[in-house]
């Protein structure tokens, strides 16, 4: 009967662990997609609103360049977002962080040159930091003359995601221990009476055989 008890507990706990692993992986994927999608949409809305304003009300290239420079400088003290203006040849003209270093061209910038508003997640080749960026085309008289780009770090978002995942894993671990103890108690309440019945049956079998 001890073997039955062990097999019962083993199968029960393995089943619970498998379910919790699937749950934790699904939760990690869902929470990551939620935060990334929300931040991506925020950046896209922000860059789209800004470029639509410039594209609609300003048609002089020199004037729009001056206004874009002032717009970028207004974000020079913003620690959450970096605003950049790129030309059509892959050069950073203005940057709110003051660092106009060369970056590898990302898909958001490339697609903005194709008159699309897009975002991308990448690792900065200088700082090695994980970033998310959104780009939109800057137009003068319908022609693309540059790209407005908004960038932010994923460090805080990833830290928050990691916290939630760690918390769920901890709860899962506690749950496994609780269910293990519960399964031992449950199996004992079922198997022990069966064991007693078996012992009684053996005794009666011995009496009858006499």
N, C-alpha and C. Protein backbone atom coordinates (compact mmCIF):
# COMPACT_ATOMS: atom_id res chain seq x y z
N UNK A 1 0.82 -1.21 0.00
CA UNK A 1 0.00 0.00 0.00
C UNK A 1 0.85 1.26 0.00
N UNK A 2 2.03 1.15 0.60
CA UNK A 2 2.95 2.30 0.61
C UNK A 2 3.30 2.70 -0.80
N UNK A 3 3.49 1.70 -1.68
CA UNK A 3 3.80 1.97 -3.08
C UNK A 3 2.68 2.72 -3.77
N UNK A 4 1.43 2.33 -3.46
CA UNK A 4 0.28 3.02 -4.04
C UNK A 4 0.24 4.47 -3.58
N UNK A 5 0.53 4.67 -2.29
CA UNK A 5 0.53 6.03 -1.72
C UNK A 5 1.57 6.90 -2.39
N UNK A 6 2.76 6.36 -2.57
CA UNK A 6 3.83 7.13 -3.21
C UNK A 6 3.48 7.45 -4.66
N UNK A 7 2.92 6.46 -5.34
CA UNK A 7 2.54 6.66 -6.74
C UNK A 7 1.44 7.71 -6.86
N UNK A 8 0.50 7.69 -5.94
CA UNK A 8 -0.59 8.67 -5.94
C UNK A 8 -0.04 10.08 -5.77
N UNK A 9 0.80 10.26 -4.74
CA UNK A 9 1.37 11.59 -4.45
C UNK A 9 2.24 12.06 -5.60
N UNK A 10 3.04 11.14 -6.13
CA UNK A 10 3.96 11.49 -7.22
C UNK A 10 3.20 11.96 -8.46
N UNK A 11 2.22 11.19 -8.87
CA UNK A 11 1.44 11.54 -10.07
C UNK A 11 0.67 12.84 -9.87
N UNK A 12 0.13 13.02 -8.66
CA UNK A 12 -0.65 14.22 -8.36
C UNK A 12 0.23 15.48 -8.42
N UNK A 13 1.38 15.42 -7.77
CA UNK A 13 2.29 16.57 -7.70
C UNK A 13 2.87 16.88 -9.08
N UNK A 14 3.25 15.84 -9.83
CA UNK A 14 3.79 16.06 -11.18
C UNK A 14 2.75 16.76 -12.06
N UNK A 15 1.50 16.32 -11.94
CA UNK A 15 0.42 16.96 -12.71
C UNK A 15 0.26 18.43 -12.34
N UNK A 16 0.31 18.73 -11.04
CA UNK A 16 0.18 20.11 -10.58
C UNK A 16 1.37 20.95 -11.07
N UNK A 17 2.57 20.40 -10.99
CA UNK A 17 3.76 21.13 -11.41
C UNK A 17 3.69 21.46 -12.91
N UNK A 18 3.27 20.49 -13.71
CA UNK A 18 3.15 20.71 -15.15
C UNK A 18 2.15 21.82 -15.44
N UNK A 19 1.01 21.79 -14.75
CA UNK A 19 -0.02 22.82 -14.94
C UNK A 19 0.52 24.19 -14.55
N UNK A 20 1.26 24.26 -13.43
CA UNK A 20 1.79 25.54 -12.97
C UNK A 20 2.88 26.07 -13.89
N UNK A 21 3.67 25.18 -14.46
CA UNK A 21 4.71 25.61 -15.41
C UNK A 21 4.05 26.24 -16.64
N UNK A 22 3.03 25.56 -17.16
CA UNK A 22 2.31 26.10 -18.31
C UNK A 22 1.67 27.45 -17.96
N UNK A 23 1.09 27.52 -16.77
CA UNK A 23 0.47 28.78 -16.32
C UNK A 23 1.49 29.90 -16.20
N UNK A 24 2.65 29.60 -15.59
CA UNK A 24 3.68 30.62 -15.41
C UNK A 24 4.24 31.11 -16.74
N UNK A 25 4.45 30.19 -17.68
CA UNK A 25 4.94 30.59 -19.00
C UNK A 25 3.91 31.45 -19.72
N UNK A 26 2.66 31.06 -19.62
CA UNK A 26 1.58 31.83 -20.27
C UNK A 26 1.47 33.21 -19.63
N UNK A 27 1.56 33.25 -18.31
CA UNK A 27 1.47 34.53 -17.60
C UNK A 27 2.62 35.45 -17.99
N UNK A 28 3.84 34.89 -18.06
CA UNK A 28 5.01 35.68 -18.44
C UNK A 28 4.84 36.27 -19.83
N UNK A 29 4.33 35.46 -20.75
CA UNK A 29 4.12 35.93 -22.13
C UNK A 29 3.05 37.02 -22.18
N UNK A 30 1.95 36.80 -21.46
CA UNK A 30 0.84 37.76 -21.47
C UNK A 30 1.24 39.08 -20.84
N UNK A 31 1.92 39.03 -19.69
CA UNK A 31 2.29 40.26 -19.00
C UNK A 31 3.33 41.04 -19.81
N UNK A 32 4.24 40.31 -20.45
CA UNK A 32 5.24 40.98 -21.29
C UNK A 32 4.57 41.65 -22.49
N UNK A 33 3.69 40.93 -23.16
CA UNK A 33 2.99 41.50 -24.33
C UNK A 33 2.15 42.70 -23.93
N UNK A 34 1.54 42.64 -22.76
CA UNK A 34 0.68 43.74 -22.30
C UNK A 34 1.50 45.01 -22.11
N UNK A 35 2.60 44.91 -21.37
CA UNK A 35 3.41 46.09 -21.09
C UNK A 35 4.10 46.62 -22.35
N UNK A 36 4.63 45.72 -23.14
CA UNK A 36 5.30 46.14 -24.37
C UNK A 36 4.32 46.78 -25.35
N UNK A 37 3.15 46.18 -25.50
CA UNK A 37 2.15 46.72 -26.41
C UNK A 37 1.64 48.08 -25.96
N UNK A 38 1.45 48.24 -24.65
CA UNK A 38 0.97 49.51 -24.11
C UNK A 38 2.00 50.61 -24.34
N UNK A 39 3.26 50.30 -24.08
CA UNK A 39 4.32 51.29 -24.27
C UNK A 39 4.52 51.60 -25.75
N UNK A 40 4.44 50.58 -26.58
CA UNK A 40 4.57 50.77 -28.03
C UNK A 40 3.47 51.70 -28.55
N UNK A 41 2.24 51.46 -28.10
CA UNK A 41 1.12 52.28 -28.54
C UNK A 41 1.25 53.71 -28.05
N UNK A 42 1.75 53.88 -26.84
CA UNK A 42 1.97 55.22 -26.29
C UNK A 42 2.95 56.01 -27.14
N UNK A 43 4.06 55.37 -27.52
CA UNK A 43 5.07 56.05 -28.34
C UNK A 43 4.54 56.36 -29.74
N UNK A 44 3.81 55.41 -30.31
CA UNK A 44 3.26 55.62 -31.65
C UNK A 44 2.27 56.78 -31.65
N UNK A 45 1.40 56.82 -30.65
CA UNK A 45 0.44 57.92 -30.55
C UNK A 45 1.14 59.26 -30.39
N UNK A 46 2.18 59.26 -29.57
CA UNK A 46 2.91 60.49 -29.28
C UNK A 46 3.63 61.02 -30.53
N UNK A 47 4.35 60.14 -31.21
CA UNK A 47 5.10 60.59 -32.39
C UNK A 47 4.16 60.91 -33.55
N UNK A 48 3.06 60.19 -33.64
CA UNK A 48 2.10 60.42 -34.71
C UNK A 48 1.40 61.77 -34.53
N UNK A 49 1.01 62.09 -33.31
CA UNK A 49 0.37 63.37 -33.02
C UNK A 49 1.29 64.54 -33.32
N UNK A 50 2.56 64.40 -32.94
CA UNK A 50 3.53 65.48 -33.16
C UNK A 50 3.78 65.72 -34.64
N UNK A 51 4.01 64.66 -35.39
CA UNK A 51 4.31 64.84 -36.81
C UNK A 51 3.09 65.31 -37.60
N UNK A 52 1.91 64.85 -37.20
CA UNK A 52 0.70 65.32 -37.88
C UNK A 52 0.53 66.83 -37.70
N UNK A 53 0.87 67.33 -36.53
CA UNK A 53 0.78 68.78 -36.28
C UNK A 53 1.76 69.53 -37.17
N UNK A 54 3.02 69.09 -37.18
CA UNK A 54 4.03 69.77 -38.01
C UNK A 54 3.68 69.66 -39.50
N UNK A 55 3.28 68.48 -39.93
CA UNK A 55 2.99 68.26 -41.34
C UNK A 55 1.78 69.05 -41.83
N UNK A 56 0.83 69.27 -40.93
CA UNK A 56 -0.40 69.93 -41.34
C UNK A 56 -0.26 71.46 -41.39
N UNK A 57 0.46 72.01 -40.42
CA UNK A 57 0.45 73.47 -40.29
C UNK A 57 1.72 74.17 -40.78
N UNK A 58 2.76 73.42 -41.13
CA UNK A 58 4.00 74.06 -41.57
C UNK A 58 4.46 73.45 -42.89
N UNK A 59 4.66 74.31 -43.87
CA UNK A 59 5.04 73.84 -45.21
C UNK A 59 6.40 74.37 -45.65
N UNK A 60 7.04 75.17 -44.82
CA UNK A 60 8.36 75.71 -45.14
C UNK A 60 9.42 74.86 -44.44
N UNK A 61 10.38 74.32 -45.20
CA UNK A 61 11.37 73.40 -44.66
C UNK A 61 12.23 74.05 -43.59
N UNK A 62 12.68 75.29 -43.83
CA UNK A 62 13.54 75.97 -42.86
C UNK A 62 12.78 76.25 -41.56
N UNK A 63 11.52 76.65 -41.70
CA UNK A 63 10.72 76.96 -40.52
C UNK A 63 10.42 75.70 -39.72
N UNK A 64 10.08 74.63 -40.41
CA UNK A 64 9.76 73.40 -39.70
C UNK A 64 11.01 72.83 -39.03
N UNK A 65 12.17 73.02 -39.64
CA UNK A 65 13.43 72.57 -39.03
C UNK A 65 13.69 73.33 -37.74
N UNK A 66 13.46 74.64 -37.77
CA UNK A 66 13.64 75.48 -36.59
C UNK A 66 12.69 75.05 -35.47
N UNK A 67 11.44 74.81 -35.83
CA UNK A 67 10.44 74.41 -34.84
C UNK A 67 10.74 73.02 -34.27
N UNK A 68 11.22 72.13 -35.12
CA UNK A 68 11.58 70.79 -34.65
C UNK A 68 12.76 70.85 -33.67
N UNK A 69 13.70 71.74 -33.96
CA UNK A 69 14.84 71.90 -33.06
C UNK A 69 14.37 72.37 -31.69
N UNK A 70 13.47 73.34 -31.66
CA UNK A 70 12.92 73.83 -30.39
C UNK A 70 12.12 72.74 -29.68
N UNK A 71 11.37 71.97 -30.48
CA UNK A 71 10.57 70.88 -29.92
C UNK A 71 11.47 69.85 -29.24
N UNK A 72 12.57 69.52 -29.88
CA UNK A 72 13.52 68.55 -29.31
C UNK A 72 14.16 69.11 -28.06
N UNK A 73 14.55 70.40 -28.08
CA UNK A 73 15.20 71.03 -26.93
C UNK A 73 14.28 71.09 -25.71
N UNK A 74 12.97 71.15 -25.95
CA UNK A 74 12.02 71.17 -24.84
C UNK A 74 12.05 69.88 -24.04
N UNK A 75 12.56 68.81 -24.65
CA UNK A 75 12.64 67.51 -23.97
C UNK A 75 14.04 67.24 -23.40
N UNK A 76 14.89 68.25 -23.39
CA UNK A 76 16.29 68.02 -22.97
C UNK A 76 16.41 67.63 -21.51
N UNK A 77 15.39 67.96 -20.69
CA UNK A 77 15.44 67.61 -19.27
C UNK A 77 14.51 66.43 -18.94
N UNK A 78 13.92 65.87 -19.97
CA UNK A 78 13.03 64.72 -19.77
C UNK A 78 13.85 63.45 -19.65
N UNK A 79 13.71 62.77 -18.52
CA UNK A 79 14.49 61.55 -18.28
C UNK A 79 13.80 60.29 -18.81
N UNK A 80 12.54 60.41 -19.20
CA UNK A 80 11.78 59.25 -19.64
C UNK A 80 11.87 59.02 -21.15
N UNK A 81 11.94 60.11 -21.91
CA UNK A 81 11.93 59.99 -23.37
C UNK A 81 13.08 60.76 -24.00
N UNK A 82 13.57 60.21 -25.09
CA UNK A 82 14.55 60.90 -25.93
C UNK A 82 13.88 61.20 -27.26
N UNK A 83 13.94 62.44 -27.69
CA UNK A 83 13.36 62.86 -28.95
C UNK A 83 14.49 63.13 -29.95
N UNK A 84 14.35 62.57 -31.12
CA UNK A 84 15.35 62.76 -32.16
C UNK A 84 14.68 63.19 -33.47
N UNK A 85 15.45 63.96 -34.25
CA UNK A 85 15.06 64.27 -35.62
C UNK A 85 16.17 63.76 -36.52
N UNK A 86 15.81 62.89 -37.45
CA UNK A 86 16.76 62.30 -38.39
C UNK A 86 16.50 62.87 -39.79
N UNK A 87 17.57 62.96 -40.58
CA UNK A 87 17.35 63.29 -41.99
C UNK A 87 17.08 62.01 -42.77
N UNK A 88 16.94 62.12 -44.06
CA UNK A 88 16.58 60.95 -44.87
C UNK A 88 17.80 60.08 -45.22
N UNK A 89 18.98 60.48 -44.75
CA UNK A 89 20.21 59.72 -45.06
C UNK A 89 20.75 58.98 -43.83
N UNK A 90 19.95 58.91 -42.79
CA UNK A 90 20.35 58.15 -41.60
C UNK A 90 21.22 58.92 -40.62
N UNK A 91 21.14 60.25 -40.66
CA UNK A 91 21.93 61.09 -39.76
C UNK A 91 21.01 61.74 -38.73
N UNK A 92 21.46 61.76 -37.47
CA UNK A 92 20.69 62.41 -36.41
C UNK A 92 20.98 63.91 -36.45
N UNK A 93 19.95 64.71 -36.70
CA UNK A 93 20.12 66.17 -36.76
C UNK A 93 20.00 66.80 -35.38
N UNK A 94 18.98 66.40 -34.63
CA UNK A 94 18.76 66.92 -33.28
C UNK A 94 18.42 65.77 -32.35
N UNK A 95 18.89 65.88 -31.12
CA UNK A 95 18.62 64.85 -30.12
C UNK A 95 18.47 65.51 -28.76
N UNK A 96 17.39 65.22 -28.05
CA UNK A 96 17.13 65.85 -26.76
C UNK A 96 18.15 65.47 -25.70
N UNK A 97 18.82 64.33 -25.87
CA UNK A 97 19.85 63.93 -24.91
C UNK A 97 21.18 64.61 -25.19
N UNK A 98 21.29 65.26 -26.36
CA UNK A 98 22.53 65.93 -26.74
C UNK A 98 23.57 64.99 -27.32
N UNK A 99 23.21 63.71 -27.47
CA UNK A 99 24.15 62.72 -27.99
C UNK A 99 23.74 62.34 -29.41
N UNK A 100 24.38 62.94 -30.37
CA UNK A 100 24.05 62.68 -31.77
C UNK A 100 24.94 61.60 -32.37
N UNK A 101 25.18 60.55 -31.57
CA UNK A 101 26.05 59.48 -32.06
C UNK A 101 25.30 58.63 -33.08
N UNK A 102 26.09 57.98 -33.89
CA UNK A 102 25.50 57.14 -34.95
C UNK A 102 24.92 55.86 -34.35
N UNK A 103 23.74 55.51 -34.79
CA UNK A 103 23.10 54.27 -34.38
C UNK A 103 22.86 53.40 -35.60
N UNK A 104 22.77 52.10 -35.35
CA UNK A 104 22.36 51.23 -36.44
C UNK A 104 20.92 51.56 -36.83
N UNK A 105 20.64 51.60 -38.11
CA UNK A 105 19.31 51.95 -38.57
C UNK A 105 18.32 50.85 -38.18
N UNK A 106 17.25 51.25 -37.50
CA UNK A 106 16.25 50.30 -37.04
C UNK A 106 15.04 50.32 -37.96
N UNK A 107 14.22 49.29 -37.83
CA UNK A 107 13.07 49.13 -38.73
C UNK A 107 12.08 50.29 -38.62
N UNK A 108 11.96 50.88 -37.42
CA UNK A 108 11.01 51.99 -37.28
C UNK A 108 11.42 53.18 -38.14
N UNK A 109 12.72 53.47 -38.18
CA UNK A 109 13.22 54.58 -39.01
C UNK A 109 13.08 54.26 -40.50
N UNK A 110 13.43 53.05 -40.88
CA UNK A 110 13.38 52.65 -42.28
C UNK A 110 11.95 52.70 -42.81
N UNK A 111 11.00 52.23 -42.00
CA UNK A 111 9.59 52.24 -42.44
C UNK A 111 9.01 53.65 -42.42
N UNK A 112 9.53 54.50 -41.54
CA UNK A 112 9.07 55.90 -41.54
C UNK A 112 9.43 56.58 -42.85
N UNK A 113 10.56 56.22 -43.43
CA UNK A 113 10.96 56.76 -44.73
C UNK A 113 10.03 56.28 -45.84
N UNK A 114 9.29 55.21 -45.55
CA UNK A 114 8.30 54.69 -46.50
C UNK A 114 6.89 55.19 -46.17
N UNK A 115 6.85 56.28 -45.39
CA UNK A 115 5.59 56.94 -45.01
C UNK A 115 4.73 56.07 -44.11
N UNK A 116 5.37 55.36 -43.16
CA UNK A 116 4.65 54.54 -42.21
C UNK A 116 5.08 54.90 -40.79
N UNK A 117 4.14 54.85 -39.87
CA UNK A 117 4.45 55.04 -38.45
C UNK A 117 4.69 53.66 -37.85
N UNK A 118 5.85 53.48 -37.27
CA UNK A 118 6.23 52.13 -36.83
C UNK A 118 7.07 52.22 -35.55
N UNK A 119 7.17 51.09 -34.85
CA UNK A 119 8.01 51.02 -33.64
C UNK A 119 8.89 49.78 -33.70
N UNK A 120 9.97 49.80 -32.93
CA UNK A 120 10.87 48.64 -32.89
C UNK A 120 11.54 48.56 -31.52
N UNK A 121 11.92 47.35 -31.17
CA UNK A 121 12.65 47.10 -29.93
C UNK A 121 14.05 46.63 -30.33
N UNK A 122 15.06 47.21 -29.72
CA UNK A 122 16.42 46.90 -30.12
C UNK A 122 17.40 47.17 -28.98
N UNK A 123 18.62 46.73 -29.16
CA UNK A 123 19.71 46.99 -28.22
C UNK A 123 20.58 48.09 -28.80
N UNK A 124 20.75 49.18 -28.06
CA UNK A 124 21.60 50.27 -28.53
C UNK A 124 23.04 49.79 -28.67
N UNK A 125 23.64 50.05 -29.84
CA UNK A 125 24.98 49.51 -30.09
C UNK A 125 26.08 50.25 -29.33
N UNK A 126 25.74 51.38 -28.70
CA UNK A 126 26.72 52.13 -27.92
C UNK A 126 26.58 51.83 -26.43
N UNK A 127 25.36 52.01 -25.91
CA UNK A 127 25.13 51.82 -24.47
C UNK A 127 24.76 50.39 -24.10
N UNK A 128 24.42 49.57 -25.11
CA UNK A 128 23.99 48.18 -24.90
C UNK A 128 22.72 48.10 -24.05
N UNK A 129 21.91 49.15 -24.11
CA UNK A 129 20.67 49.19 -23.36
C UNK A 129 19.50 48.78 -24.26
N UNK A 130 18.54 48.09 -23.68
CA UNK A 130 17.37 47.66 -24.43
C UNK A 130 16.40 48.84 -24.53
N UNK A 131 16.06 49.20 -25.75
CA UNK A 131 15.23 50.38 -26.00
C UNK A 131 14.03 50.03 -26.88
N UNK A 132 13.04 50.90 -26.81
CA UNK A 132 11.91 50.82 -27.73
C UNK A 132 11.74 52.20 -28.36
N UNK A 133 11.53 52.24 -29.66
CA UNK A 133 11.43 53.51 -30.37
C UNK A 133 10.26 53.48 -31.33
N UNK A 134 9.72 54.67 -31.59
CA UNK A 134 8.67 54.83 -32.59
C UNK A 134 9.05 55.99 -33.50
N UNK A 135 8.83 55.82 -34.78
CA UNK A 135 9.20 56.84 -35.76
C UNK A 135 8.03 57.17 -36.67
N UNK A 136 8.01 58.43 -37.12
CA UNK A 136 6.99 58.89 -38.07
C UNK A 136 7.64 59.87 -39.03
N UNK A 137 7.18 59.91 -40.28
CA UNK A 137 7.79 60.79 -41.28
C UNK A 137 7.45 62.27 -41.06
N UNK A 138 8.42 63.13 -41.34
CA UNK A 138 8.21 64.57 -41.36
C UNK A 138 8.12 65.00 -42.82
N UNK A 139 7.04 65.69 -43.16
CA UNK A 139 6.80 66.02 -44.57
C UNK A 139 6.72 67.53 -44.79
N UNK A 140 7.16 67.92 -45.96
CA UNK A 140 6.98 69.29 -46.44
C UNK A 140 6.39 69.20 -47.84
N UNK A 141 5.16 69.73 -47.98
CA UNK A 141 4.45 69.65 -49.27
C UNK A 141 4.30 68.21 -49.75
N UNK A 142 4.07 67.32 -48.81
CA UNK A 142 3.82 65.92 -49.17
C UNK A 142 5.07 65.08 -49.35
N UNK A 143 6.25 65.69 -49.32
CA UNK A 143 7.50 64.94 -49.49
C UNK A 143 8.17 64.72 -48.14
N UNK A 144 8.69 63.53 -47.93
CA UNK A 144 9.35 63.21 -46.66
C UNK A 144 10.73 63.87 -46.62
N UNK A 145 10.95 64.70 -45.61
CA UNK A 145 12.23 65.42 -45.47
C UNK A 145 13.02 64.95 -44.26
N UNK A 146 12.40 64.13 -43.43
CA UNK A 146 13.07 63.64 -42.24
C UNK A 146 12.18 62.71 -41.45
N UNK A 147 12.66 62.32 -40.29
CA UNK A 147 11.93 61.39 -39.43
C UNK A 147 12.00 61.88 -37.99
N UNK A 148 10.84 61.90 -37.33
CA UNK A 148 10.79 62.20 -35.89
C UNK A 148 10.76 60.88 -35.15
N UNK A 149 11.64 60.78 -34.17
CA UNK A 149 11.80 59.51 -33.46
C UNK A 149 11.71 59.75 -31.96
N UNK A 150 10.93 58.92 -31.27
CA UNK A 150 10.81 58.98 -29.82
C UNK A 150 11.29 57.66 -29.24
N UNK A 151 12.19 57.74 -28.27
CA UNK A 151 12.83 56.54 -27.72
C UNK A 151 12.70 56.53 -26.20
N UNK A 152 12.54 55.37 -25.65
CA UNK A 152 12.56 55.23 -24.19
C UNK A 152 13.18 53.88 -23.82
N UNK A 153 13.68 53.80 -22.61
CA UNK A 153 14.32 52.57 -22.14
C UNK A 153 13.28 51.57 -21.67
N UNK A 154 13.61 50.30 -21.83
CA UNK A 154 12.74 49.23 -21.35
C UNK A 154 13.19 48.69 -19.99
N UNK A 155 14.16 49.36 -19.39
CA UNK A 155 14.71 48.87 -18.12
C UNK A 155 13.64 48.80 -17.03
N UNK A 156 12.89 49.88 -16.86
CA UNK A 156 11.87 49.91 -15.81
C UNK A 156 10.74 48.93 -16.10
N UNK A 157 10.33 48.86 -17.35
CA UNK A 157 9.26 47.94 -17.73
C UNK A 157 9.70 46.49 -17.51
N UNK A 158 10.91 46.16 -17.94
CA UNK A 158 11.42 44.80 -17.75
C UNK A 158 11.55 44.46 -16.27
N UNK A 159 11.94 45.46 -15.46
CA UNK A 159 12.06 45.24 -14.02
C UNK A 159 10.70 44.95 -13.41
N UNK A 160 9.69 45.67 -13.87
CA UNK A 160 8.33 45.44 -13.36
C UNK A 160 7.81 44.07 -13.79
N UNK A 161 8.06 43.71 -15.03
CA UNK A 161 7.64 42.40 -15.52
C UNK A 161 8.33 41.29 -14.72
N UNK A 162 9.62 41.47 -14.48
CA UNK A 162 10.38 40.48 -13.70
C UNK A 162 9.82 40.33 -12.30
N UNK A 163 9.41 41.46 -11.70
CA UNK A 163 8.84 41.43 -10.35
C UNK A 163 7.56 40.59 -10.33
N UNK A 164 6.66 40.85 -11.28
CA UNK A 164 5.39 40.11 -11.32
C UNK A 164 5.62 38.63 -11.57
N UNK A 165 6.54 38.31 -12.48
CA UNK A 165 6.81 36.91 -12.78
C UNK A 165 7.41 36.20 -11.57
N UNK A 166 8.35 36.88 -10.89
CA UNK A 166 8.96 36.30 -9.69
C UNK A 166 7.92 36.07 -8.61
N UNK A 167 7.01 37.02 -8.47
CA UNK A 167 5.95 36.89 -7.46
C UNK A 167 5.05 35.69 -7.76
N UNK A 168 4.67 35.53 -9.01
CA UNK A 168 3.80 34.41 -9.41
C UNK A 168 4.53 33.08 -9.22
N UNK A 169 5.82 33.04 -9.54
CA UNK A 169 6.59 31.81 -9.34
C UNK A 169 6.66 31.45 -7.86
N UNK A 170 6.85 32.47 -7.00
CA UNK A 170 6.90 32.24 -5.55
C UNK A 170 5.56 31.68 -5.06
N UNK A 171 4.46 32.28 -5.52
CA UNK A 171 3.13 31.80 -5.13
C UNK A 171 2.94 30.36 -5.61
N UNK A 172 3.43 30.07 -6.81
CA UNK A 172 3.30 28.71 -7.35
C UNK A 172 4.08 27.71 -6.50
N UNK A 173 5.27 28.12 -6.05
CA UNK A 173 6.10 27.26 -5.21
C UNK A 173 5.39 26.96 -3.88
N UNK A 174 4.82 28.00 -3.28
CA UNK A 174 4.07 27.82 -2.03
C UNK A 174 2.87 26.91 -2.26
N UNK A 175 2.22 27.10 -3.40
CA UNK A 175 1.05 26.28 -3.73
C UNK A 175 1.42 24.81 -3.89
N UNK A 176 2.56 24.54 -4.51
CA UNK A 176 3.02 23.15 -4.69
C UNK A 176 3.26 22.50 -3.33
N UNK A 177 3.89 23.23 -2.42
CA UNK A 177 4.15 22.69 -1.07
C UNK A 177 2.83 22.40 -0.35
N UNK A 178 1.91 23.36 -0.46
CA UNK A 178 0.60 23.19 0.19
C UNK A 178 -0.13 21.97 -0.38
N UNK A 179 -0.13 21.86 -1.70
CA UNK A 179 -0.83 20.73 -2.33
C UNK A 179 -0.14 19.40 -2.05
N UNK A 180 1.18 19.45 -1.88
CA UNK A 180 1.91 18.23 -1.52
C UNK A 180 1.48 17.73 -0.15
N UNK A 181 1.40 18.66 0.80
CA UNK A 181 0.95 18.29 2.15
C UNK A 181 -0.49 17.82 2.12
N UNK A 182 -1.31 18.50 1.33
CA UNK A 182 -2.72 18.13 1.21
C UNK A 182 -2.88 16.75 0.58
N UNK A 183 -2.05 16.45 -0.41
CA UNK A 183 -2.14 15.14 -1.06
C UNK A 183 -1.72 14.02 -0.13
N UNK A 184 -0.71 14.31 0.71
CA UNK A 184 -0.30 13.30 1.71
C UNK A 184 -1.43 13.00 2.68
N UNK A 185 -2.08 14.06 3.14
CA UNK A 185 -3.20 13.89 4.08
C UNK A 185 -4.36 13.16 3.42
N UNK A 186 -4.66 13.56 2.17
CA UNK A 186 -5.78 12.96 1.45
C UNK A 186 -5.52 11.49 1.14
N UNK A 187 -4.29 11.20 0.69
CA UNK A 187 -3.96 9.81 0.36
C UNK A 187 -3.98 8.93 1.60
N UNK A 188 -3.55 9.52 2.72
CA UNK A 188 -3.55 8.76 3.98
C UNK A 188 -4.98 8.44 4.41
N UNK A 189 -5.88 9.42 4.24
CA UNK A 189 -7.28 9.21 4.66
C UNK A 189 -7.98 8.17 3.80
N UNK A 190 -7.48 7.95 2.58
CA UNK A 190 -8.10 6.96 1.70
C UNK A 190 -7.41 5.60 1.81
N UNK A 191 -6.08 5.63 1.78
CA UNK A 191 -5.32 4.37 1.71
C UNK A 191 -5.27 3.64 3.04
N UNK A 192 -5.19 4.38 4.16
CA UNK A 192 -5.11 3.72 5.47
C UNK A 192 -6.34 2.86 5.75
N UNK A 193 -7.56 3.35 5.50
CA UNK A 193 -8.74 2.47 5.70
C UNK A 193 -8.71 1.23 4.81
N UNK A 194 -8.22 1.41 3.57
CA UNK A 194 -8.11 0.27 2.67
C UNK A 194 -7.10 -0.73 3.22
N UNK A 195 -6.03 -0.18 3.78
CA UNK A 195 -5.00 -1.04 4.37
C UNK A 195 -5.57 -1.84 5.55
N UNK A 196 -6.38 -1.16 6.37
CA UNK A 196 -6.99 -1.85 7.52
C UNK A 196 -7.95 -2.95 7.04
N UNK A 197 -8.72 -2.62 6.01
CA UNK A 197 -9.65 -3.62 5.46
C UNK A 197 -8.88 -4.82 4.92
N UNK A 198 -7.77 -4.56 4.28
CA UNK A 198 -6.94 -5.62 3.73
C UNK A 198 -6.38 -6.52 4.83
N UNK A 199 -5.97 -5.87 5.94
CA UNK A 199 -5.44 -6.64 7.06
C UNK A 199 -6.53 -7.53 7.67
N UNK A 200 -7.73 -6.96 7.80
CA UNK A 200 -8.84 -7.74 8.35
C UNK A 200 -9.17 -8.90 7.42
N UNK A 201 -9.15 -8.64 6.12
CA UNK A 201 -9.45 -9.69 5.14
C UNK A 201 -8.44 -10.82 5.23
N UNK A 202 -7.17 -10.47 5.45
CA UNK A 202 -6.13 -11.50 5.57
C UNK A 202 -6.38 -12.37 6.80
N UNK A 203 -6.78 -11.69 7.90
CA UNK A 203 -7.04 -12.45 9.13
C UNK A 203 -8.22 -13.41 8.96
N UNK A 204 -9.30 -12.93 8.33
CA UNK A 204 -10.46 -13.79 8.10
C UNK A 204 -10.11 -14.93 7.14
N UNK A 205 -9.24 -14.61 6.17
CA UNK A 205 -8.82 -15.65 5.25
C UNK A 205 -8.06 -16.74 6.00
N UNK A 206 -7.27 -16.36 6.99
CA UNK A 206 -6.51 -17.33 7.77
C UNK A 206 -7.42 -18.17 8.65
N UNK A 207 -8.47 -17.52 9.22
CA UNK A 207 -9.40 -18.23 10.05
C UNK A 207 -10.18 -19.27 9.25
N UNK A 208 -10.62 -18.82 8.06
CA UNK A 208 -11.41 -19.71 7.19
C UNK A 208 -10.58 -20.92 6.75
N UNK A 209 -9.31 -20.67 6.43
CA UNK A 209 -8.46 -21.77 5.95
C UNK A 209 -8.17 -22.79 7.04
N UNK A 210 -8.31 -22.38 8.32
CA UNK A 210 -8.12 -23.28 9.42
C UNK A 210 -9.34 -24.24 9.54
